[in-house]
C-alpha cells in the first residue's frame, strides 16, 4: 500500500444499470487503459436485468445445473471462480496498474476491499467475518455457495466475494456485495435477508464510502471520470466481438 500521504493517480467512475456484456466489456477496456496510462480506476456499477455470469474456466453446459437462472441473461467473465447471479447486489471493479506497490501482493487487494466493507457495515451493527480457511470440498456451481479465505460472511452466509485477472500491465479485481436474495437464485440469502435490521442502510451511500476508503488506503489521488471516446470504442468492440458473442460464452 502507498499510505494515506502518497498520491497515485486514479479515476472514479459511476455507471448506471447496464447489461452484462457491456459491463464486462467496460471492465476489460478499463484494464487496458490502466495498463497503458498507469492511472488506476475504481468503478461502481449495477445490472439492468438478472444476469448469470460464468467464471472464465466454467463449462457452458454447467449452467443447466442451476434451473432457477436458466431464463436469465448470460455472460462469461474474464475472471475465474464460480457463477454469479447478478441482481440485487452492489458491484465494484478496481483496476490497478502493475506499477502500484499493492500489485506486488495481489491477494492483499482482496483483504483490503473486504475488510473495508466489514468495517463500514460493522458500523451499522453487522456481524461479518472473513472466511477462516479455503473450502476443500468439490466446488459448487455458484460462487456464493463456495468458500475461500477472505470471503465475507454474515451469519455463515457468503455475502461478498471478489475475483481477479492480471494482464496488459494491470490487475482487475471485481466483486459483488449480495444485498438481497434474487428469485433467480433463491437459495442465496443476501445481507438484509440474514440481518433484516440492515435494510435501512443506503446501498449507494455505503458503496461511496467504500470507494473513498479504498482510495485513501491505496494512496489514490481520485478524480471523478467518465469513459473516454477511445474507451467507448473499445467497449463497443469488446461487447460485439466477445462478451455478447456465443463463441466467447460457449468457449468451454
C-alpha atoms as a PDB file:
ATOM      1  CA  UNK A   1       0.000   0.000   0.000  1.00  0.00           C
ATOM      2  CA  UNK A   2       1.143   3.548  -0.599  1.00  0.00           C
ATOM      3  CA  UNK A   3      -0.297   5.002   2.567  1.00  0.00           C
ATOM      4  CA  UNK A   4      -2.554   7.988   3.033  1.00  0.00           C
ATOM      5  CA  UNK A   5       0.140  10.619   2.427  1.00  0.00           C
ATOM      6  CA  UNK A   6       1.061   9.420  -1.080  1.00  0.00           C
ATOM      7  CA  UNK A   7      -0.761  10.286  -4.289  1.00  0.00           C
ATOM      8  CA  UNK A   8      -1.263   7.740  -7.065  1.00  0.00           C
ATOM      9  CA  UNK A   9      -3.410   8.937  -9.997  1.00  0.00           C
ATOM     10  CA  UNK A  10      -6.823   7.273 -10.102  1.00  0.00           C
ATOM     11  CA  UNK A  11     -10.264   7.678 -11.674  1.00  0.00           C
ATOM     12  CA  UNK A  12     -13.693   7.131 -10.102  1.00  0.00           C
ATOM     13  CA  UNK A  13     -16.449   6.006 -12.463  1.00  0.00           C
ATOM     14  CA  UNK A  14     -20.101   5.542 -11.508  1.00  0.00           C
ATOM     15  CA  UNK A  15     -22.232   3.694 -14.017  1.00  0.00           C
ATOM     16  CA  UNK A  16     -25.990   3.228 -14.012  1.00  0.00           C
ATOM     17  CA  UNK A  17     -27.533  -0.197 -14.545  1.00  0.00           C
ATOM     18  CA  UNK A  18     -26.396  -1.855 -17.770  1.00  0.00           C
ATOM     19  CA  UNK A  19     -26.460  -5.234 -19.493  1.00  0.00           C
ATOM     20  CA  UNK A  20     -23.906  -7.879 -18.631  1.00  0.00           C
ATOM     21  CA  UNK A  21     -21.987  -7.836 -21.923  1.00  0.00           C
ATOM     22  CA  UNK A  22     -21.483  -4.069 -21.657  1.00  0.00           C
ATOM     23  CA  UNK A  23     -20.407  -4.273 -18.012  1.00  0.00           C
ATOM     24  CA  UNK A  24     -17.796  -6.932 -18.724  1.00  0.00           C
ATOM     25  CA  UNK A  25     -16.546  -5.069 -21.806  1.00  0.00           C
ATOM     26  CA  UNK A  26     -16.095  -1.915 -19.718  1.00  0.00           C
ATOM     27  CA  UNK A  27     -14.046  -3.757 -17.104  1.00  0.00           C
ATOM     28  CA  UNK A  28     -11.715  -5.139 -19.781  1.00  0.00           C
ATOM     29  CA  UNK A  29     -11.422  -1.785 -21.573  1.00  0.00           C
ATOM     30  CA  UNK A  30     -10.535  -0.040 -18.315  1.00  0.00           C
ATOM     31  CA  UNK A  31      -7.932  -2.700 -17.617  1.00  0.00           C
ATOM     32  CA  UNK A  32      -6.231  -1.966 -20.936  1.00  0.00           C
ATOM     33  CA  UNK A  33      -6.382   1.785 -20.284  1.00  0.00           C
ATOM     34  CA  UNK A  34      -4.911   1.477 -16.804  1.00  0.00           C
ATOM     35  CA  UNK A  35      -2.077  -0.703 -18.046  1.00  0.00           C
ATOM     36  CA  UNK A  36      -1.202   1.791 -20.767  1.00  0.00           C
ATOM     37  CA  UNK A  37      -1.656   5.010 -18.781  1.00  0.00           C
ATOM     38  CA  UNK A  38      -0.582   3.996 -15.284  1.00  0.00           C
ATOM     39  CA  UNK A  39      -3.801   5.507 -13.891  1.00  0.00           C
ATOM     40  CA  UNK A  40      -5.860   3.315 -11.547  1.00  0.00           C
ATOM     41  CA  UNK A  41      -9.653   3.006 -11.694  1.00  0.00           C
ATOM     42  CA  UNK A  42     -12.418   2.486  -9.158  1.00  0.00           C
ATOM     43  CA  UNK A  43     -15.782   1.748 -10.747  1.00  0.00           C
ATOM     44  CA  UNK A  44     -19.211   1.336  -9.129  1.00  0.00           C
ATOM     45  CA  UNK A  45     -21.887  -0.246 -11.285  1.00  0.00           C
ATOM     46  CA  UNK A  46     -25.101  -2.284 -11.476  1.00  0.00           C
ATOM     47  CA  UNK A  47     -27.008  -4.682 -13.744  1.00  0.00           C
ATOM     48  CA  UNK A  48     -30.111  -3.802 -15.749  1.00  0.00           C
ATOM     49  CA  UNK A  49     -31.550  -7.330 -15.597  1.00  0.00           C
ATOM     50  CA  UNK A  50     -30.849 -10.514 -13.644  1.00  0.00           C
ATOM     51  CA  UNK A  51     -27.718 -11.928 -15.272  1.00  0.00           C
ATOM     52  CA  UNK A  52     -25.744 -15.102 -14.698  1.00  0.00           C
ATOM     53  CA  UNK A  53     -22.005 -14.602 -15.205  1.00  0.00           C
ATOM     54  CA  UNK A  54     -19.899 -17.700 -15.737  1.00  0.00           C
ATOM     55  CA  UNK A  55     -16.339 -17.778 -14.453  1.00  0.00           C
ATOM     56  CA  UNK A  56     -13.655 -17.873 -17.156  1.00  0.00           C
ATOM     57  CA  UNK A  57     -12.947 -21.589 -16.661  1.00  0.00           C
ATOM     58  CA  UNK A  58     -16.507 -22.838 -16.137  1.00  0.00           C
ATOM     59  CA  UNK A  59     -18.244 -25.067 -18.680  1.00  0.00           C
ATOM     60  CA  UNK A  60     -21.151 -23.525 -20.544  1.00  0.00           C
ATOM     61  CA  UNK A  61     -23.138 -26.761 -20.187  1.00  0.00           C
ATOM     62  CA  UNK A  62     -22.990 -26.442 -16.408  1.00  0.00           C
ATOM     63  CA  UNK A  63     -25.434 -23.554 -16.460  1.00  0.00           C
ATOM     64  CA  UNK A  64     -28.149 -26.229 -16.750  1.00  0.00           C
ATOM     65  CA  UNK A  65     -27.199 -27.277 -13.230  1.00  0.00           C
ATOM     66  CA  UNK A  66     -28.997 -24.181 -11.955  1.00  0.00           C
ATOM     67  CA  UNK A  67     -32.637 -24.306 -13.017  1.00  0.00           C
ATOM     68  CA  UNK A  68     -33.724 -21.031 -11.395  1.00  0.00           C
ATOM     69  CA  UNK A  69     -31.447 -18.929 -13.622  1.00  0.00           C
ATOM     70  CA  UNK A  70     -31.984 -20.695 -16.965  1.00  0.00           C
ATOM     71  CA  UNK A  71     -34.170 -17.871 -18.266  1.00  0.00           C
ATOM     72  CA  UNK A  72     -31.690 -15.163 -17.234  1.00  0.00           C
ATOM     73  CA  UNK A  73     -29.267 -13.307 -19.468  1.00  0.00           C
ATOM     74  CA  UNK A  74     -25.851 -14.974 -19.622  1.00  0.00           C
ATOM     75  CA  UNK A  75     -22.316 -13.632 -19.928  1.00  0.00           C
ATOM     76  CA  UNK A  76     -18.839 -15.061 -19.346  1.00  0.00           C
ATOM     77  CA  UNK A  77     -16.385 -13.097 -17.208  1.00  0.00           C
ATOM     78  CA  UNK A  78     -12.680 -12.737 -17.875  1.00  0.00           C
ATOM     79  CA  UNK A  79     -12.051 -13.607 -14.206  1.00  0.00           C
ATOM     80  CA  UNK A  80     -12.224 -17.078 -12.715  1.00  0.00           C
ATOM     81  CA  UNK A  81     -14.365 -18.516  -9.955  1.00  0.00           C
ATOM     82  CA  UNK A  82     -17.934 -19.741  -9.800  1.00  0.00           C
ATOM     83  CA  UNK A  83     -21.054 -18.439 -11.493  1.00  0.00           C
ATOM     84  CA  UNK A  84     -22.659 -15.312 -10.040  1.00  0.00           C
ATOM     85  CA  UNK A  85     -26.304 -14.319 -10.305  1.00  0.00           C
ATOM     86  CA  UNK A  86     -26.146 -10.534 -10.579  1.00  0.00           C
ATOM     87  CA  UNK A  87     -29.432  -8.998  -9.492  1.00  0.00           C
ATOM     88  CA  UNK A  88     -29.950  -7.482  -6.065  1.00  0.00           C
ATOM     89  CA  UNK A  89     -26.344  -6.567  -5.402  1.00  0.00           C
ATOM     90  CA  UNK A  90     -23.761  -3.794  -5.405  1.00  0.00           C
ATOM     91  CA  UNK A  91     -20.884  -4.353  -7.813  1.00  0.00           C
ATOM     92  CA  UNK A  92     -17.433  -2.780  -7.992  1.00  0.00           C
ATOM     93  CA  UNK A  93     -14.286  -3.067 -10.032  1.00  0.00           C
ATOM     94  CA  UNK A  94     -10.780  -1.988  -9.094  1.00  0.00           C
ATOM     95  CA  UNK A  95      -8.171  -1.729 -11.835  1.00  0.00           C
ATOM     96  CA  UNK A  96      -4.627  -1.300 -10.609  1.00  0.00           C
ATOM     97  CA  UNK A  97      -1.581  -0.742 -12.844  1.00  0.00           C
ATOM     98  CA  UNK A  98       1.251  -3.107 -12.022  1.00  0.00           C
ATOM     99  CA  UNK A  99       3.338  -0.031 -11.150  1.00  0.00           C
ATOM    100  CA  UNK A 100       1.320   0.361  -7.931  1.00  0.00           C
ATOM    101  CA  UNK A 101       3.061  -1.212  -4.895  1.00  0.00           C
ATOM    102  CA  UNK A 102      -0.041  -3.245  -3.984  1.00  0.00           C
ATOM    103  CA  UNK A 103       0.227  -5.078  -7.316  1.00  0.00           C
ATOM    104  CA  UNK A 104       3.206  -6.963  -5.877  1.00  0.00           C
ATOM    105  CA  UNK A 105       0.827  -8.716  -3.452  1.00  0.00           C
ATOM    106  CA  UNK A 106      -2.469  -9.055  -5.328  1.00  0.00           C
ATOM    107  CA  UNK A 107      -4.051 -11.190  -2.604  1.00  0.00           C
ATOM    108  CA  UNK A 108      -3.785  -8.164  -0.316  1.00  0.00           C
ATOM    109  CA  UNK A 109      -6.333  -6.388  -2.524  1.00  0.00           C
ATOM    110  CA  UNK A 110      -8.978  -8.961  -1.621  1.00  0.00           C
ATOM    111  CA  UNK A 111      -8.227  -8.452   2.041  1.00  0.00           C
ATOM    112  CA  UNK A 112      -8.304  -4.682   1.757  1.00  0.00           C
ATOM    113  CA  UNK A 113     -11.585  -4.471  -0.166  1.00  0.00           C
ATOM    114  CA  UNK A 114     -13.325  -6.943   2.114  1.00  0.00           C
ATOM    115  CA  UNK A 115     -12.002  -5.588   5.411  1.00  0.00           C
ATOM    116  CA  UNK A 116     -13.156  -2.092   4.473  1.00  0.00           C
ATOM    117  CA  UNK A 117     -16.633  -3.437   3.700  1.00  0.00           C
ATOM    118  CA  UNK A 118     -16.705  -5.297   7.015  1.00  0.00           C
ATOM    119  CA  UNK A 119     -15.743  -2.124   8.862  1.00  0.00           C
ATOM    120  CA  UNK A 120     -18.337   0.037   7.141  1.00  0.00           C
ATOM    121  CA  UNK A 121     -21.215  -2.374   7.584  1.00  0.00           C
ATOM    122  CA  UNK A 122     -19.930  -3.128  11.072  1.00  0.00           C
ATOM    123  CA  UNK A 123     -20.612   0.500  11.920  1.00  0.00           C
ATOM    124  CA  UNK A 124     -24.274  -0.423  11.438  1.00  0.00           C
ATOM    125  CA  UNK A 125     -24.016  -3.465  13.708  1.00  0.00           C
ATOM    126  CA  UNK A 126     -23.394  -6.040  11.000  1.00  0.00           C
ATOM    127  CA  UNK A 127     -21.997  -9.357  12.180  1.00  0.00           C
ATOM    128  CA  UNK A 128     -19.466 -10.127   9.487  1.00  0.00           C
ATOM    129  CA  UNK A 129     -16.276 -12.142   9.498  1.00  0.00           C
ATOM    130  CA  UNK A 130     -13.717 -13.260   6.906  1.00  0.00           C
ATOM    131  CA  UNK A 131     -13.873 -16.943   5.999  1.00  0.00           C
ATOM    132  CA  UNK A 132     -11.061 -18.533   8.050  1.00  0.00           C
ATOM    133  CA  UNK A 133      -9.907 -21.122   5.502  1.00  0.00           C
ATOM    134  CA  UNK A 134     -10.411 -22.066   1.881  1.00  0.00           C
ATOM    135  CA  UNK A 135     -13.028 -24.693   1.062  1.00  0.00           C
ATOM    136  CA  UNK A 136     -11.606 -28.133   0.268  1.00  0.00           C
ATOM    137  CA  UNK A 137     -14.826 -29.787  -0.923  1.00  0.00           C
ATOM    138  CA  UNK A 138     -15.870 -30.081  -4.564  1.00  0.00           C
ATOM    139  CA  UNK A 139     -16.716 -26.597  -5.770  1.00  0.00           C
ATOM    140  CA  UNK A 140     -20.419 -25.786  -6.245  1.00  0.00           C
ATOM    141  CA  UNK A 141     -21.552 -24.126  -9.476  1.00  0.00           C
ATOM    142  CA  UNK A 142     -22.464 -20.833  -7.791  1.00  0.00           C
ATOM    143  CA  UNK A 143     -19.722 -18.584  -6.437  1.00  0.00           C
ATOM    144  CA  UNK A 144     -21.740 -17.617  -3.375  1.00  0.00           C
ATOM    145  CA  UNK A 145     -22.022 -21.259  -2.339  1.00  0.00           C
ATOM    146  CA  UNK A 146     -18.235 -21.561  -2.386  1.00  0.00           C
ATOM    147  CA  UNK A 147     -15.939 -20.514   0.451  1.00  0.00           C
ATOM    148  CA  UNK A 148     -12.437 -19.099   0.147  1.00  0.00           C
ATOM    149  CA  UNK A 149     -10.129 -17.383   2.582  1.00  0.00           C
ATOM    150  CA  UNK A 150     -11.088 -13.718   2.741  1.00  0.00           C
ATOM    151  CA  UNK A 151     -14.724 -14.090   1.686  1.00  0.00           C
ATOM    152  CA  UNK A 152     -17.105 -12.018   3.774  1.00  0.00           C
ATOM    153  CA  UNK A 153     -19.722 -13.973   5.689  1.00  0.00           C
ATOM    154  CA  UNK A 154     -22.831 -12.891   7.548  1.00  0.00           C
ATOM    155  CA  UNK A 155     -24.480 -15.477   9.752  1.00  0.00           C
ATOM    156  CA  UNK A 156     -22.417 -18.109   7.984  1.00  0.00           C
ATOM    157  CA  UNK A 157     -23.665 -16.996   4.545  1.00  0.00           C
ATOM    158  CA  UNK A 158     -21.284 -15.563   1.955  1.00  0.00           C
ATOM    159  CA  UNK A 159     -22.348 -12.009   1.098  1.00  0.00           C
ATOM    160  CA  UNK A 160     -19.217 -10.539  -0.516  1.00  0.00           C
ATOM    161  CA  UNK A 161     -16.691 -12.131  -2.828  1.00  0.00           C
ATOM    162  CA  UNK A 162     -14.191 -10.900  -5.425  1.00  0.00           C
ATOM    163  CA  UNK A 163     -12.179 -12.290  -8.332  1.00  0.00           C
ATOM    164  CA  UNK A 164      -9.073 -11.115 -10.192  1.00  0.00           C
ATOM    165  CA  UNK A 165      -7.409 -11.195 -13.591  1.00  0.00           C
ATOM    166  CA  UNK A 166      -3.903  -9.922 -14.400  1.00  0.00           C
ATOM    167  CA  UNK A 167      -2.860  -8.893 -17.916  1.00  0.00           C
ATOM    168  CA  UNK A 168      -1.862  -5.896 -20.066  1.00  0.00           C
ATOM    169  CA  UNK A 169       0.145  -4.303 -17.267  1.00  0.00           C
ATOM    170  CA  UNK A 170      -2.788  -4.164 -14.848  1.00  0.00           C
ATOM    171  CA  UNK A 171      -4.791  -6.159 -12.312  1.00  0.00           C
ATOM    172  CA  UNK A 172      -8.573  -6.224 -12.492  1.00  0.00           C
ATOM    173  CA  UNK A 173     -10.461  -7.106  -9.331  1.00  0.00           C
ATOM    174  CA  UNK A 174     -14.224  -7.063  -9.429  1.00  0.00           C
ATOM    175  CA  UNK A 175     -16.616  -8.124  -6.722  1.00  0.00           C
ATOM    176  CA  UNK A 176     -20.235  -8.337  -5.656  1.00  0.00           C
ATOM    177  CA  UNK A 177     -21.932  -7.494  -2.372  1.00  0.00           C
ATOM    178  CA  UNK A 178     -25.038  -9.680  -2.291  1.00  0.00           C
ATOM    179  CA  UNK A 179     -27.665  -7.367  -0.851  1.00  0.00           C
ATOM    180  CA  UNK A 180     -30.865  -9.398  -1.111  1.00  0.00           C
ATOM    181  CA  UNK A 181     -31.889 -12.810  -2.446  1.00  0.00           C
ATOM    182  CA  UNK A 182     -32.975 -12.944  -6.083  1.00  0.00           C
ATOM    183  CA  UNK A 183     -35.888 -15.023  -7.377  1.00  0.00           C
ATOM    184  CA  UNK A 184     -33.327 -16.324  -9.877  1.00  0.00           C
ATOM    185  CA  UNK A 185     -31.137 -17.676  -7.057  1.00  0.00           C
ATOM    186  CA  UNK A 186     -33.457 -18.018  -4.041  1.00  0.00           C
ATOM    187  CA  UNK A 187     -31.043 -20.344  -2.258  1.00  0.00           C
ATOM    188  CA  UNK A 188     -28.597 -17.452  -1.756  1.00  0.00           C
ATOM    189  CA  UNK A 189     -29.667 -15.114   1.055  1.00  0.00           C
ATOM    190  CA  UNK A 190     -28.350 -11.580   0.875  1.00  0.00           C
ATOM    191  CA  UNK A 191     -27.103  -9.376   3.663  1.00  0.00           C
ATOM    192  CA  UNK A 192     -30.509  -7.962   4.559  1.00  0.00           C
ATOM    193  CA  UNK A 193     -32.101 -11.420   4.478  1.00  0.00           C
ATOM    194  CA  UNK A 194     -29.631 -12.567   7.104  1.00  0.00           C
ATOM    195  CA  UNK A 195     -29.852  -9.332   9.090  1.00  0.00           C
ATOM    196  CA  UNK A 196     -33.141  -7.527   8.296  1.00  0.00           C
ATOM    197  CA  UNK A 197     -32.205  -4.610  10.537  1.00  0.00           C
ATOM    198  CA  UNK A 198     -29.611  -3.593   7.925  1.00  0.00           C
ATOM    199  CA  UNK A 199     -32.303  -2.879   5.329  1.00  0.00           C
ATOM    200  CA  UNK A 200     -32.207   0.790   6.357  1.00  0.00           C
ATOM    201  CA  UNK A 201     -28.651   1.154   5.035  1.00  0.00           C
ATOM    202  CA  UNK A 202     -28.430   3.268   1.889  1.00  0.00           C
ATOM    203  CA  UNK A 203     -26.655   0.922  -0.519  1.00  0.00           C
ATOM    204  CA  UNK A 204     -25.376   3.687  -2.809  1.00  0.00           C
ATOM    205  CA  UNK A 205     -24.036   5.720   0.107  1.00  0.00           C
ATOM    206  CA  UNK A 206     -22.339   2.615   1.502  1.00  0.00           C
ATOM    207  CA  UNK A 207     -20.512   1.995  -1.777  1.00  0.00           C
ATOM    208  CA  UNK A 208     -19.454   5.647  -1.997  1.00  0.00           C
ATOM    209  CA  UNK A 209     -17.951   5.379   1.484  1.00  0.00           C
ATOM    210  CA  UNK A 210     -16.269   2.140   0.454  1.00  0.00           C
ATOM    211  CA  UNK A 211     -14.722   3.777  -2.631  1.00  0.00           C
ATOM    212  CA  UNK A 212     -13.484   6.716  -0.553  1.00  0.00           C
ATOM    213  CA  UNK A 213     -11.904   4.387   1.999  1.00  0.00           C
ATOM    214  CA  UNK A 214     -10.287   2.253  -0.715  1.00  0.00           C
ATOM    215  CA  UNK A 215      -8.826   5.344  -2.353  1.00  0.00           C
ATOM    216  CA  UNK A 216      -7.407   6.545   0.947  1.00  0.00           C
ATOM    217  CA  UNK A 217      -5.824   3.197   1.812  1.00  0.00           C
ATOM    218  CA  UNK A 218      -4.335   2.784  -1.670  1.00  0.00           C
ATOM    219  CA  UNK A 219      -2.984   6.333  -1.722  1.00  0.00           C
ATOM    220  CA  UNK A 220      -5.120   7.388  -4.672  1.00  0.00           C
ATOM    221  CA  UNK A 221      -5.477  10.940  -5.879  1.00  0.00           C
ATOM    222  CA  UNK A 222      -9.038  10.270  -7.026  1.00  0.00           C
ATOM    223  CA  UNK A 223     -10.701  12.228  -9.839  1.00  0.00           C
ATOM    224  CA  UNK A 224     -14.284  11.684 -10.990  1.00  0.00           C
ATOM    225  CA  UNK A 225     -14.260  10.470 -14.564  1.00  0.00           C
ATOM    226  CA  UNK A 226     -16.200   9.031 -17.492  1.00  0.00           C
ATOM    227  CA  UNK A 227     -15.212   6.683 -20.277  1.00  0.00           C
ATOM    228  CA  UNK A 228     -13.073   8.408 -22.872  1.00  0.00           C
ATOM    229  CA  UNK A 229     -14.067   8.342 -26.533  1.00  0.00           C
ATOM    230  CA  UNK A 230     -11.363   5.775 -27.213  1.00  0.00           C
ATOM    231  CA  UNK A 231     -12.530   3.616 -24.300  1.00  0.00           C
ATOM    232  CA  UNK A 232     -16.110   3.741 -25.598  1.00  0.00           C
ATOM    233  CA  UNK A 233     -14.920   2.456 -28.961  1.00  0.00           C
ATOM    234  CA  UNK A 234     -13.044  -0.343 -27.218  1.00  0.00           C
ATOM    235  CA  UNK A 235     -16.124  -1.212 -25.162  1.00  0.00           C
ATOM    236  CA  UNK A 236     -18.286  -1.392 -28.282  1.00  0.00           C
ATOM    237  CA  UNK A 237     -15.761  -3.654 -29.995  1.00  0.00           C
ATOM    238  CA  UNK A 238     -15.305  -5.954 -26.990  1.00  0.00           C
ATOM    239  CA  UNK A 239     -19.037  -6.188 -26.443  1.00  0.00           C
ATOM    240  CA  UNK A 240     -19.736  -7.146 -30.061  1.00  0.00           C
ATOM    241  CA  UNK A 241     -16.761  -9.427 -30.647  1.00  0.00           C
ATOM    242  CA  UNK A 242     -16.518 -11.050 -27.237  1.00  0.00           C
ATOM    243  CA  UNK A 243     -18.957 -10.625 -24.381  1.00  0.00           C
ATOM    244  CA  UNK A 244     -22.162 -10.625 -26.465  1.00  0.00           C
ATOM    245  CA  UNK A 245     -20.820 -13.403 -28.686  1.00  0.00           C
ATOM    246  CA  UNK A 246     -21.879 -17.040 -28.386  1.00  0.00           C
ATOM    247  CA  UNK A 247     -18.349 -18.011 -29.419  1.00  0.00           C
ATOM    248  CA  UNK A 248     -16.980 -16.485 -26.206  1.00  0.00           C
ATOM    249  CA  UNK A 249     -19.856 -17.534 -23.958  1.00  0.00           C
ATOM    250  CA  UNK A 250     -19.791 -21.160 -25.138  1.00  0.00           C
ATOM    251  CA  UNK A 251     -15.998 -21.382 -25.424  1.00  0.00           C
ATOM    252  CA  UNK A 252     -15.776 -24.153 -22.799  1.00  0.00           C
END
